[in-house]
Protein backbone atom coordinates (compact mmCIF):
# COMPACT_ATOMS: atom_id res chain seq x y z
CA MET A 1 122.14 88.40 50.06
CA THR A 2 125.02 88.21 48.06
CA ILE A 3 127.44 91.15 47.01
CA THR A 4 126.31 90.60 43.44
CA GLU A 5 122.99 91.45 44.39
CA VAL A 6 124.13 94.65 46.01
CA LEU A 7 125.96 95.60 42.79
CA GLU A 8 122.83 94.90 41.09
CA ASN A 9 120.99 97.13 43.35
CA ASN A 10 123.37 100.01 43.18
CA CYS A 11 122.94 99.76 39.67
CA LYS A 12 119.08 100.23 39.49
CA GLU A 13 119.23 102.85 42.26
CA PHE A 14 122.44 105.03 41.05
CA GLY A 15 123.27 103.57 37.68
CA ASP A 16 124.76 106.96 36.02
CA GLU A 17 126.45 107.96 39.31
CA VAL A 18 130.44 107.61 39.35
CA CYS A 19 131.10 104.83 41.54
CA LEU A 20 135.13 104.13 41.06
CA VAL A 21 138.01 106.72 40.00
CA GLU A 22 141.49 105.60 38.95
CA ILE A 23 144.25 107.99 39.76
CA ASN A 24 147.76 107.02 38.83
CA PRO A 25 150.04 110.51 39.45
CA GLU A 26 152.98 108.59 37.97
CA VAL A 27 151.83 108.50 34.47
CA LYS A 28 150.92 111.87 32.85
CA GLU A 29 147.73 112.07 30.90
CA THR A 30 148.30 112.50 26.99
CA ARG A 31 147.08 115.17 24.84
CA ARG A 32 146.81 115.61 21.02
CA VAL A 33 148.93 118.55 19.70
CA THR A 34 148.98 119.56 15.89
CA TRP A 35 152.17 120.59 14.54
CA ARG A 36 152.16 121.70 10.78
CA GLU A 37 150.67 118.89 8.97
CA PHE A 38 151.05 116.20 11.76
CA GLU A 39 149.30 115.15 14.70
CA LEU A 40 151.21 114.34 17.64
CA ILE A 41 150.25 112.62 20.78
CA GLU A 42 152.58 113.74 24.00
CA PRO A 43 152.40 113.76 27.60
CA ASN A 44 150.32 116.40 28.99
CA PRO A 45 152.61 117.89 32.00
CA THR A 46 149.67 119.58 33.73
CA ALA A 47 147.36 116.31 34.34
CA HIS A 48 147.85 113.20 35.73
CA TYR A 49 146.31 109.92 34.61
CA ARG A 50 142.61 109.71 35.84
CA ARG A 51 139.81 107.58 34.66
CA GLU A 52 136.20 106.74 36.18
CA ILE A 53 133.47 104.51 35.79
CA SER A 54 129.56 104.50 36.74
CA TRP A 55 127.58 101.80 38.61
CA ASN A 56 125.92 101.03 35.12
CA VAL A 57 129.33 100.59 33.26
CA PHE A 58 130.92 98.84 36.45
CA ASN A 59 128.14 96.08 36.34
CA GLU A 60 128.08 96.00 32.36
CA LYS A 61 131.68 95.12 32.73
CA ALA A 62 131.30 92.45 35.08
CA ASN A 63 128.18 91.11 33.05
CA ARG A 64 130.32 90.90 29.81
CA PHE A 65 133.28 88.72 31.87
CA ALA A 66 130.74 86.77 33.34
CA ASN A 67 129.34 85.93 29.93
CA LEU A 68 132.52 85.25 28.56
CA LEU A 69 133.68 82.85 31.36
CA LEU A 70 130.48 80.83 30.69
CA ASP A 71 130.96 80.65 26.90
CA ARG A 72 134.18 79.29 27.73
CA GLY A 73 133.14 76.51 29.89
CA ILE A 74 133.41 78.20 33.46
CA LYS A 75 130.89 76.64 35.81
CA LYS A 76 129.88 76.86 39.40
CA GLY A 77 132.67 76.04 41.53
CA ASP A 78 135.65 76.66 38.81
CA LYS A 79 138.38 79.00 39.80
CA VAL A 80 139.54 82.28 38.27
CA ALA A 81 142.65 83.91 39.03
CA ILE A 82 143.19 87.82 38.95
CA LEU A 83 146.97 88.86 38.63
CA LEU A 84 146.57 92.67 38.22
CA MET A 85 147.53 96.06 39.65
CA ASN A 86 145.06 98.55 41.28
CA GLY A 87 143.03 99.93 38.23
CA LEU A 88 139.16 100.20 37.04
CA GLU A 89 139.34 96.82 35.47
CA TRP A 90 140.06 94.79 38.90
CA LEU A 91 136.83 95.08 40.50
CA PRO A 92 134.46 94.38 37.49
CA ILE A 93 136.37 91.31 36.74
CA TYR A 94 136.31 90.13 40.49
CA PHE A 95 132.54 90.74 40.29
CA GLY A 96 132.01 89.17 36.82
CA ILE A 97 133.62 85.86 38.57
CA LEU A 98 131.32 85.90 41.29
CA LYS A 99 128.40 86.25 39.02
CA THR A 100 129.29 82.70 37.48
CA GLY A 101 129.33 81.21 40.65
CA ALA A 102 133.02 80.67 40.20
CA LEU A 103 135.80 81.29 42.69
CA ALA A 104 137.69 84.52 42.38
CA VAL A 105 141.56 83.95 43.15
CA PRO A 106 143.32 87.31 43.81
CA LEU A 107 147.29 87.07 43.54
CA ASN A 108 149.99 89.01 45.42
CA PHE A 109 151.47 91.16 42.64
CA ARG A 110 154.73 90.60 44.19
CA TYR A 111 154.73 86.97 43.70
CA THR A 112 157.85 85.40 41.70
CA ALA A 113 157.02 83.03 38.49
CA SER A 114 157.36 80.17 41.04
CA GLU A 115 154.85 81.59 43.54
CA ILE A 116 152.30 82.27 41.08
CA GLU A 117 152.80 78.56 39.69
CA TYR A 118 152.51 77.33 43.00
CA CYS A 119 149.20 79.26 43.90
CA ILE A 120 147.53 78.52 40.61
CA LYS A 121 148.15 74.74 41.14
CA LEU A 122 147.55 74.52 44.86
CA ALA A 123 143.93 76.47 44.08
CA GLU A 124 143.17 74.24 40.84
CA VAL A 125 142.82 77.74 39.18
CA ASP A 126 141.17 77.01 35.35
CA ILE A 127 141.69 80.73 34.27
CA LEU A 128 144.33 83.36 34.95
CA VAL A 129 143.76 87.24 34.05
CA PHE A 130 146.95 89.09 34.02
CA GLY A 131 148.19 92.61 33.33
CA PRO A 132 151.03 94.18 31.75
CA GLU A 133 153.39 94.52 34.59
CA PHE A 134 153.19 90.36 34.98
CA ILE A 135 154.08 89.28 31.12
CA GLY A 136 157.46 88.33 32.03
CA ARG A 137 156.73 86.35 34.84
CA VAL A 138 153.73 84.62 33.15
CA GLU A 139 155.93 83.89 29.98
CA GLU A 140 158.30 82.06 32.23
CA ILE A 141 155.53 79.81 33.09
CA ALA A 142 153.01 79.76 30.56
CA GLU A 143 153.71 76.57 28.98
CA LYS A 144 153.61 74.81 32.38
CA ILE A 145 150.35 76.47 33.11
CA SER A 146 148.52 76.67 30.04
CA LYS A 147 147.96 73.04 29.06
CA ASN A 148 144.81 72.84 30.95
CA ARG A 149 144.16 76.61 31.89
CA LEU A 150 143.16 79.56 29.64
CA LEU A 151 145.26 82.84 29.93
CA PHE A 152 143.60 86.42 29.47
CA TYR A 153 145.36 89.63 29.04
CA VAL A 154 144.28 92.89 30.23
CA GLY A 155 146.15 96.02 28.68
CA GLU A 156 147.23 97.18 25.61
CA GLY A 157 149.99 94.75 23.40
CA CYS A 158 148.60 91.15 24.21
CA PRO A 159 151.27 88.79 24.18
CA THR A 160 150.84 85.76 21.72
CA PHE A 161 150.71 83.12 24.63
CA ALA A 162 147.42 85.01 25.80
CA GLU A 163 144.13 86.14 24.52
CA ASP A 164 142.91 89.70 24.73
CA TYR A 165 140.19 90.28 27.46
CA LYS A 166 139.20 94.01 25.77
CA ASN A 167 138.39 92.30 22.17
CA LEU A 168 136.84 88.99 23.91
CA THR A 169 134.68 91.09 26.08
CA SER A 170 133.52 93.69 23.78
CA ASN A 171 131.39 90.95 22.07
CA CYS A 172 129.69 89.38 25.03
CA SER A 173 126.42 89.97 26.30
CA SER A 174 125.82 92.92 28.89
CA GLN A 175 123.01 91.06 30.69
CA SER A 176 123.23 89.53 33.85
CA PRO A 177 123.83 85.90 33.72
CA ASP A 178 121.02 83.73 35.37
CA ILE A 179 123.04 81.94 37.96
CA THR A 180 121.56 81.35 41.29
CA LEU A 181 123.80 82.06 44.49
CA THR A 182 123.45 81.57 48.04
CA GLU A 183 125.39 82.87 50.84
CA LYS A 184 126.75 79.38 51.52
CA ASP A 185 128.19 79.19 47.91
CA ASN A 186 131.77 79.17 47.95
CA ALA A 187 132.98 82.56 46.62
CA ALA A 188 136.81 83.21 46.78
CA ILE A 189 140.21 81.92 47.49
CA TYR A 190 142.83 84.24 48.94
CA PHE A 191 146.28 83.81 50.26
CA SER A 192 147.91 84.19 53.27
CA SER A 193 150.76 86.56 53.37
CA GLY A 194 153.34 84.01 53.11
CA THR A 195 155.82 85.67 55.52
CA THR A 196 156.82 82.06 56.81
CA GLY A 197 156.81 80.18 53.68
CA PHE A 198 154.58 79.39 50.87
CA PRO A 199 151.17 80.86 51.51
CA LYS A 200 148.11 78.71 51.98
CA ALA A 201 145.06 79.14 50.10
CA ILE A 202 142.26 80.73 52.27
CA LEU A 203 138.48 79.59 51.04
CA HIS A 204 135.33 81.93 51.81
CA ASN A 205 131.92 81.73 51.01
CA HIS A 206 129.55 84.50 49.93
CA GLU A 207 128.50 84.80 53.49
CA SER A 208 131.82 85.85 54.37
CA LEU A 209 131.98 88.32 51.87
CA ILE A 210 128.26 90.07 52.57
CA HIS A 211 129.17 89.98 56.23
CA SER A 212 132.52 92.21 55.61
CA CYS A 213 130.41 94.55 53.81
CA ARG A 214 128.14 94.93 56.75
CA VAL A 215 130.89 95.10 59.00
CA GLU A 216 132.44 97.86 57.38
CA GLN A 217 129.83 100.12 57.04
CA LYS A 218 128.58 99.78 60.67
CA HIS A 219 132.14 100.35 61.95
CA HIS A 220 132.68 103.84 60.03
CA GLY A 221 129.18 104.59 59.06
CA GLN A 222 129.50 105.39 55.17
CA THR A 223 126.82 107.04 53.71
CA ARG A 224 126.44 108.04 50.23
CA ASP A 225 127.83 111.23 50.58
CA ASP A 226 131.16 109.63 51.76
CA ILE A 227 134.08 109.12 49.41
CA PHE A 228 136.78 106.24 50.11
CA LEU A 229 140.24 106.53 49.36
CA CYS A 230 141.65 103.12 48.70
CA ILE A 231 145.64 102.95 48.17
CA PRO A 232 146.52 99.38 49.39
CA PRO A 233 146.45 96.51 46.93
CA LEU A 234 142.94 95.02 46.14
CA TYR A 235 144.39 91.42 46.01
CA HIS A 236 144.25 91.63 49.71
CA THR A 237 141.20 91.72 51.86
CA GLY A 238 142.18 94.52 53.74
CA ALA A 239 141.75 96.78 50.71
CA LYS A 240 138.77 94.95 49.01
CA MET A 241 136.74 94.38 52.42
CA HIS A 242 137.07 98.24 53.34
CA TRP A 243 135.87 99.13 49.62
CA PHE A 244 133.03 96.97 50.55
CA GLY A 245 131.64 99.53 53.00
CA SER A 246 131.46 101.98 50.10
CA LEU A 247 129.53 99.05 47.70
CA LEU A 248 127.02 98.59 50.45
CA SER A 249 126.58 102.43 51.00
CA GLY A 250 126.46 102.94 47.20
CA SER A 251 129.13 105.69 47.67
CA LYS A 252 132.15 106.43 45.48
CA ALA A 253 135.57 105.19 45.89
CA VAL A 254 138.82 106.57 44.32
CA LEU A 255 141.72 104.12 43.58
CA LEU A 256 145.14 105.78 44.10
CA ARG A 257 148.22 104.04 42.64
CA GLY A 258 151.29 105.78 44.64
CA THR A 259 151.85 106.33 48.28
CA LYS A 260 154.09 109.65 48.21
CA PRO A 261 152.64 112.03 51.00
CA GLU A 262 151.87 114.47 48.15
CA TYR A 263 149.82 111.99 46.08
CA ILE A 264 147.53 110.94 48.86
CA LEU A 265 146.99 114.59 50.01
CA ASN A 266 146.38 115.74 46.37
CA ALA A 267 143.89 112.76 46.12
CA VAL A 268 142.06 113.84 49.35
CA SER A 269 141.88 117.22 48.26
CA GLN A 270 140.86 117.00 44.69
CA GLU A 271 138.46 114.36 44.99
CA HIS A 272 136.95 115.52 48.03
CA CYS A 273 137.56 112.12 49.76
CA THR A 274 136.14 111.74 53.48
CA ILE A 275 137.33 108.56 54.66
CA VAL A 276 141.20 107.29 54.10
CA TRP A 277 142.54 104.01 55.21
CA LEU A 278 146.25 104.24 55.59
CA LEU A 279 149.13 101.61 56.48
CA VAL A 280 151.66 102.84 59.35
CA PRO A 281 154.57 103.64 56.73
CA TRP A 282 152.42 105.95 54.80
CA ALA A 283 150.91 107.85 57.98
CA GLN A 284 154.50 108.11 59.25
CA ASP A 285 155.76 109.55 55.67
CA ILE A 286 153.08 112.01 55.83
CA LEU A 287 153.78 112.99 59.30
CA ASP A 288 157.61 113.19 58.56
CA ALA A 289 156.97 115.24 55.29
CA LEU A 290 154.73 117.82 57.31
CA ASP A 291 157.39 117.99 60.23
CA ASN A 292 160.15 118.80 57.60
CA GLY A 293 158.25 120.99 55.47
CA LYS A 294 158.21 119.27 52.16
CA VAL A 295 154.62 119.40 52.05
CA LYS A 296 152.15 122.08 53.81
CA LEU A 297 148.34 121.51 54.73
CA SER A 298 147.31 124.79 53.57
CA ASP A 299 148.30 123.63 49.98
CA TYR A 300 145.42 121.27 50.30
CA GLN A 301 141.59 121.07 50.69
CA LEU A 302 141.16 118.88 53.52
CA GLU A 303 138.04 120.06 55.57
CA GLN A 304 135.87 117.31 54.30
CA TRP A 305 138.39 114.40 55.45
CA ARG A 306 136.64 112.86 58.55
CA LEU A 307 138.20 109.48 59.25
CA MET A 308 141.85 108.15 59.13
CA HIS A 309 141.83 104.64 60.22
CA ILE A 310 144.79 102.27 59.99
CA GLY A 311 145.10 98.30 60.07
CA ALA A 312 147.12 95.48 59.11
CA GLN A 313 149.65 95.84 61.64
CA PRO A 314 150.15 97.21 65.30
CA VAL A 315 149.79 101.07 65.43
CA PRO A 316 152.17 102.91 67.64
CA PRO A 317 150.39 105.08 70.21
CA SER A 318 152.79 108.11 69.44
CA LEU A 319 152.09 107.86 65.69
CA ILE A 320 148.17 108.85 66.30
CA LYS A 321 149.03 111.29 68.94
CA HIS A 322 151.43 113.12 66.44
CA TRP A 323 148.82 112.62 63.88
CA HIS A 324 146.16 114.50 65.86
CA ASP A 325 148.83 117.45 66.15
CA TYR A 326 148.03 118.09 62.58
CA PHE A 327 144.35 116.85 61.91
CA PRO A 328 142.80 117.45 65.43
CA GLU A 329 139.25 116.78 64.24
CA HIS A 330 139.89 113.75 62.61
CA GLN A 331 137.77 110.82 63.72
CA TYR A 332 140.23 107.69 64.32
CA ASP A 333 139.99 103.89 64.13
CA THR A 334 142.14 101.07 63.90
CA ASN A 335 140.94 97.40 62.43
CA TYR A 336 142.12 94.06 63.49
CA GLY A 337 141.61 91.06 61.23
CA LEU A 338 143.48 88.71 58.91
CA SER A 339 142.82 86.99 55.56
CA GLU A 340 141.34 84.00 57.67
CA SER A 341 138.78 86.22 58.94
CA ILE A 342 138.05 87.95 55.69
CA GLY A 343 140.23 91.03 56.53
CA PRO A 344 139.66 94.02 58.72
CA GLY A 345 137.01 94.52 61.39
CA ALA A 346 136.97 91.16 63.71
CA VAL A 347 138.19 93.87 66.51
CA HIS A 348 138.17 97.45 66.07
CA LEU A 349 138.67 100.41 68.20
CA GLY A 350 135.55 102.37 67.19
CA VAL A 351 135.85 106.27 66.47
CA GLU A 352 134.36 106.82 69.75
CA ASN A 353 137.37 105.24 71.79
CA ILE A 354 140.31 107.54 71.23
CA HIS A 355 141.21 107.35 74.34
CA LYS A 356 142.08 103.83 74.18
CA VAL A 357 144.65 104.45 71.42
CA GLY A 358 147.26 101.42 71.30
CA ALA A 359 144.39 98.95 71.76
CA ILE A 360 142.71 96.99 68.55
CA GLY A 361 139.47 97.54 70.41
CA VAL A 362 136.48 95.35 71.32
CA PRO A 363 134.88 92.55 69.02
CA GLY A 364 133.61 94.01 65.85
CA PHE A 365 129.99 93.80 64.55
CA GLY A 366 128.98 90.09 64.56
CA TRP A 367 132.11 88.97 66.16
CA GLN A 368 133.10 87.09 69.02
CA VAL A 369 136.77 87.33 70.68
CA LYS A 370 138.47 85.14 73.55
CA ILE A 371 142.04 84.84 74.51
CA VAL A 372 143.32 81.11 75.64
CA ASN A 373 146.43 79.50 76.83
CA GLU A 374 148.39 76.59 75.30
CA THR A 375 145.87 74.14 76.28
CA GLY A 376 142.71 76.10 74.97
CA LYS A 377 141.55 77.62 77.99
CA GLU A 378 140.31 80.95 78.28
CA VAL A 379 142.85 83.02 80.55
CA VAL A 380 141.96 85.44 83.06
CA GLN A 381 141.70 89.32 82.34
CA GLY A 382 145.24 90.92 82.07
CA GLU A 383 146.76 87.78 80.97
CA VAL A 384 148.61 87.34 77.69
CA GLY A 385 147.46 84.63 75.45
CA GLU A 386 146.29 83.79 72.06
CA LEU A 387 143.41 85.64 70.09
CA CYS A 388 140.82 83.38 68.80
CA LEU A 389 137.89 84.50 66.60
CA LYS A 390 134.36 83.35 65.78
CA GLY A 391 131.94 84.66 63.31
CA PRO A 392 130.34 84.67 59.89
CA GLY A 393 133.57 85.98 58.43
CA VAL A 394 135.54 82.72 59.44
CA MET A 395 137.10 80.76 56.57
CA SER A 396 135.76 77.52 55.61
CA CYS A 397 138.98 76.04 55.44
CA TYR A 398 142.41 76.28 53.85
CA TYR A 399 141.80 74.62 50.47
CA ASN A 400 143.25 71.41 50.02
CA ASP A 401 144.89 71.35 53.33
CA PRO A 402 142.96 69.57 55.82
CA VAL A 403 146.04 69.37 58.46
CA ALA A 404 146.44 72.89 58.52
CA THR A 405 142.88 73.42 58.88
CA GLU A 406 142.35 71.38 61.83
CA GLU A 407 145.42 73.21 63.46
CA VAL A 408 143.46 76.70 63.36
CA LEU A 409 140.06 76.00 63.57
CA LYS A 410 138.27 74.33 66.47
CA ASP A 411 134.46 74.54 67.01
CA GLY A 412 134.16 77.43 64.66
CA TRP A 413 136.89 79.22 66.36
CA LEU A 414 139.84 80.72 64.78
CA SER A 415 143.34 80.79 66.34
CA THR A 416 144.97 83.74 64.96
CA GLY A 417 148.61 83.08 65.84
CA ASP A 418 148.32 86.54 67.66
CA MET A 419 149.21 87.10 71.28
CA ALA A 420 147.04 89.61 73.14
CA MET A 421 145.64 90.44 76.36
CA GLN A 422 142.14 92.23 77.39
CA ASP A 423 142.23 95.32 79.94
CA LYS A 424 139.73 95.69 82.90
CA ASP A 425 137.53 97.99 80.52
CA GLY A 426 137.09 95.00 78.03
CA PHE A 427 139.78 96.16 75.40
CA TYR A 428 141.94 93.95 73.46
CA TYR A 429 145.65 94.98 73.19
CA LEU A 430 147.78 92.84 70.43
CA VAL A 431 150.91 92.06 72.12
CA ASP A 432 152.65 90.32 69.25
CA ARG A 433 152.73 87.39 66.76
CA LYS A 434 153.01 84.02 68.54
CA LYS A 435 155.90 83.10 66.79
CA ASP A 436 157.75 86.62 66.87
CA VAL A 437 157.84 86.25 70.89
CA ILE A 438 161.48 86.47 72.47
CA ILE A 439 162.38 83.97 75.27
CA SER A 440 165.36 85.84 76.52
CA GLY A 441 166.48 83.95 79.83
CA GLY A 442 163.15 82.49 80.65
CA GLU A 443 161.29 85.96 79.99
CA ASN A 444 158.96 86.52 77.25
CA LEU A 445 159.65 89.86 75.54
CA TYR A 446 156.91 91.22 73.04
CA PRO A 447 158.49 92.94 70.28
CA VAL A 448 155.63 95.35 69.50
CA GLN A 449 156.30 96.82 73.31
CA ILE A 450 159.76 97.47 72.51
CA GLU A 451 159.11 98.90 69.25
CA ASP A 452 156.14 101.32 70.35
CA PHE A 453 159.04 102.62 72.84
CA ILE A 454 161.71 103.15 70.52
CA ARG A 455 159.42 105.06 68.06
CA THR A 456 158.70 107.75 70.52
CA ASN A 457 162.54 108.93 69.81
CA ASP A 458 162.37 111.91 67.25
CA CYS A 459 165.16 110.53 65.17
CA VAL A 460 163.23 107.29 64.29
CA HIS A 461 161.33 106.79 61.12
CA ASP A 462 160.46 103.07 61.74
CA VAL A 463 161.87 99.96 63.66
CA ALA A 464 161.62 96.31 64.12
CA VAL A 465 162.77 94.14 66.76
CA ILE A 466 163.56 90.36 66.19
CA GLY A 467 165.05 87.81 68.42
CA LEU A 468 168.67 86.48 67.51
CA PRO A 469 170.50 83.50 69.13
CA ASP A 470 172.36 83.56 72.19
CA ASN A 471 174.41 80.84 73.72
CA ARG A 472 173.61 81.92 77.61
CA LEU A 473 170.06 83.60 77.16
CA GLY A 474 168.46 81.51 74.31
CA GLU A 475 167.59 84.87 72.49
CA ILE A 476 168.40 88.54 72.79
CA ALA A 477 166.46 91.50 71.50
CA ALA A 478 167.90 93.16 68.69
CA ALA A 479 166.49 96.34 67.21
CA ILE A 480 166.81 97.39 63.27
CA ILE A 481 166.12 100.96 63.47
CA GLU A 482 165.54 103.16 60.29
CA LEU A 483 166.09 107.10 60.89
CA LYS A 484 164.12 109.84 59.57
CA GLU A 485 165.96 111.59 56.84
CA GLY A 486 168.29 114.14 57.82
CA TYR A 487 168.67 112.69 61.22
CA ILE A 488 171.84 110.98 62.80
CA CYS A 489 171.79 108.73 65.85
CA THR A 490 174.55 106.74 67.37
CA GLU A 491 174.27 103.11 68.76
CA GLU A 492 175.47 104.53 72.49
CA GLU A 493 172.67 107.52 72.01
CA MET A 494 170.16 104.69 71.18
CA ASN A 495 171.20 102.52 74.12
CA GLU A 496 171.07 105.46 76.57
CA TYR A 497 167.55 106.41 75.26
CA CYS A 498 166.30 102.75 76.05
CA LEU A 499 167.51 103.16 79.53
CA ALA A 500 163.76 104.09 80.17
CA LEU A 501 162.80 100.51 79.50
CA PRO A 502 162.97 97.85 82.07
CA ARG A 503 166.31 96.15 81.91
CA TYR A 504 165.19 92.89 80.44
CA LYS A 505 163.30 94.66 77.87
CA ARG A 506 166.15 96.72 76.48
CA PRO A 507 167.80 95.56 72.98
CA ARG A 508 171.07 94.15 73.23
CA LYS A 509 171.50 94.84 69.65
CA ILE A 510 171.26 98.06 67.73
CA PHE A 511 171.36 98.16 64.05
CA PHE A 512 170.74 100.86 61.36
CA ASP A 513 168.91 99.78 58.47
CA GLU A 514 166.08 100.10 56.08
CA ILE A 515 162.91 98.27 57.60
CA PRO A 516 161.56 95.91 54.82
CA ARG A 517 157.73 95.88 54.75
CA ASN A 518 155.50 94.09 52.58
CA PRO A 519 152.71 95.26 50.32
CA THR A 520 150.13 95.49 53.27
CA GLY A 521 152.64 97.41 55.68
CA LYS A 522 153.78 94.25 57.74
CA ILE A 523 157.25 93.86 58.64
CA GLU A 524 159.13 91.27 56.90
CA LYS A 525 160.88 90.00 60.04
CA PRO A 526 161.99 86.71 58.72
CA LYS A 527 163.95 88.70 56.09
CA LEU A 528 165.53 90.73 59.02
CA ARG A 529 166.38 87.58 61.08
CA GLU A 530 168.17 85.99 57.94
CA ARG A 531 170.26 89.22 57.38
CA TYR A 532 171.27 89.46 61.30
CA GLN A 533 172.03 85.74 62.10
CA ALA A 534 174.64 85.79 64.83
CA ASP A 535 177.29 83.89 62.64
CA LYS A 536 176.41 86.43 59.72
CA LEU A 537 176.61 89.97 61.80
CA ILE A 538 178.85 92.45 60.40
CA ALA A 539 179.80 95.66 61.67
CA SER A 540 177.35 98.05 60.67
CA GLU A 541 177.19 102.15 60.47
CA ASN A 542 176.04 103.66 63.38
CA THR A 543 174.71 106.80 61.17
CA ARG A 544 172.87 106.77 58.38
């Protein structure tokens, strides 16, 4: 079975039921107002922007786009890139591409014009679908990329260098195209986060996609009664593959534009959401807003919210402990994965294992896990090594990059680049990224462990620990700390707090600054290393 078949089945069984809701709290809905002989359109101050579609409409939109692509000569194995913000058009366009047998190529909405051009050429994209937020960037490279490619625009006010998606699809058939797909057919190209340079193109087949549906539904037990709140960008495997659980269960999902605590709690309350996937910064923002009284739980209807889960980066145990101070009845799960393993779920904690908070968990449904040393030999339990994964969701390859593929794929096992250890109970703990390990005076320092400790300080909103060059020790640990709003802390006070750490783990440098994170919540440590290189250090303020 492929996920396009799942969509077709949902259309048959639940056709008129709502499947997707889009909410944008930062855009007010419009209303018509009659003033004398004129009719005006003005913002409605009491209503935010909200749209919804049913399974029937979802499938119809996907079919219309698929037939447009086929009319324009797209065939099995071609590639169509998506450069859109989250919205109701995103997923029907994605499924329309898949229905033709072509490969969907989602692009990061933060890409610069040069990065868009690079990814389009690397993936050998035939058509680019883009939205209004990207007109400037696409126009900058339009002459270069449109010579052998089509540009389709989704939104109002189509630019002259592109074609209007809405007008084009309105005249296309709404019937499903007669294209045979198997699980072994290529389905999508995703891009790595690119935190160490230009991103790599990750090729997945339909087996990967349908496996991610099964993993998500198995882990979190979605039923037809669940409503999933999706906040992260759909271009990323994490957001989409979590939504795949809703697809498989035929349940409704809400796409929320905006990450403010009140936006999230309002959406949960008004749409009766039962499952919410958060990133660490958003969960911390909610806790901070509750702590300082900016939001109050009594203002929202949250009784139906049963599960909060987090992925995409290590989760501080202190955060989950504090979360349960406010939400004691919540189930909690954390999910580990990467784009090369079709996103979350390769390892997961499991809602029944709340006593193991801090671990990333056990092998996910259908997955195998092992930890190896530098020679590729499995380490003994309790030792740190590189985490490796094997299962139906492992990528086929890095597209057009056999050398990079060979480096990480061996006998079906994917080397993740993440350092981990397994405890005596069989639970895996993420220690740090292999490239982020700090070697100081011959000792291996794992930044995540230091970060988890510093986060237990009530003044700290966020923290990142990086290695800086040192003539004597090779590297030293430096902590960049973002304080909570209204809090004051000095370098001396933070150093005193860190005395509880073993001496070799204590940061040698303390800086107070904002922590940069990418759209999927990962700390952008290369930016911090560049900013705080030893020869560029400048005196920093000790308070914010």
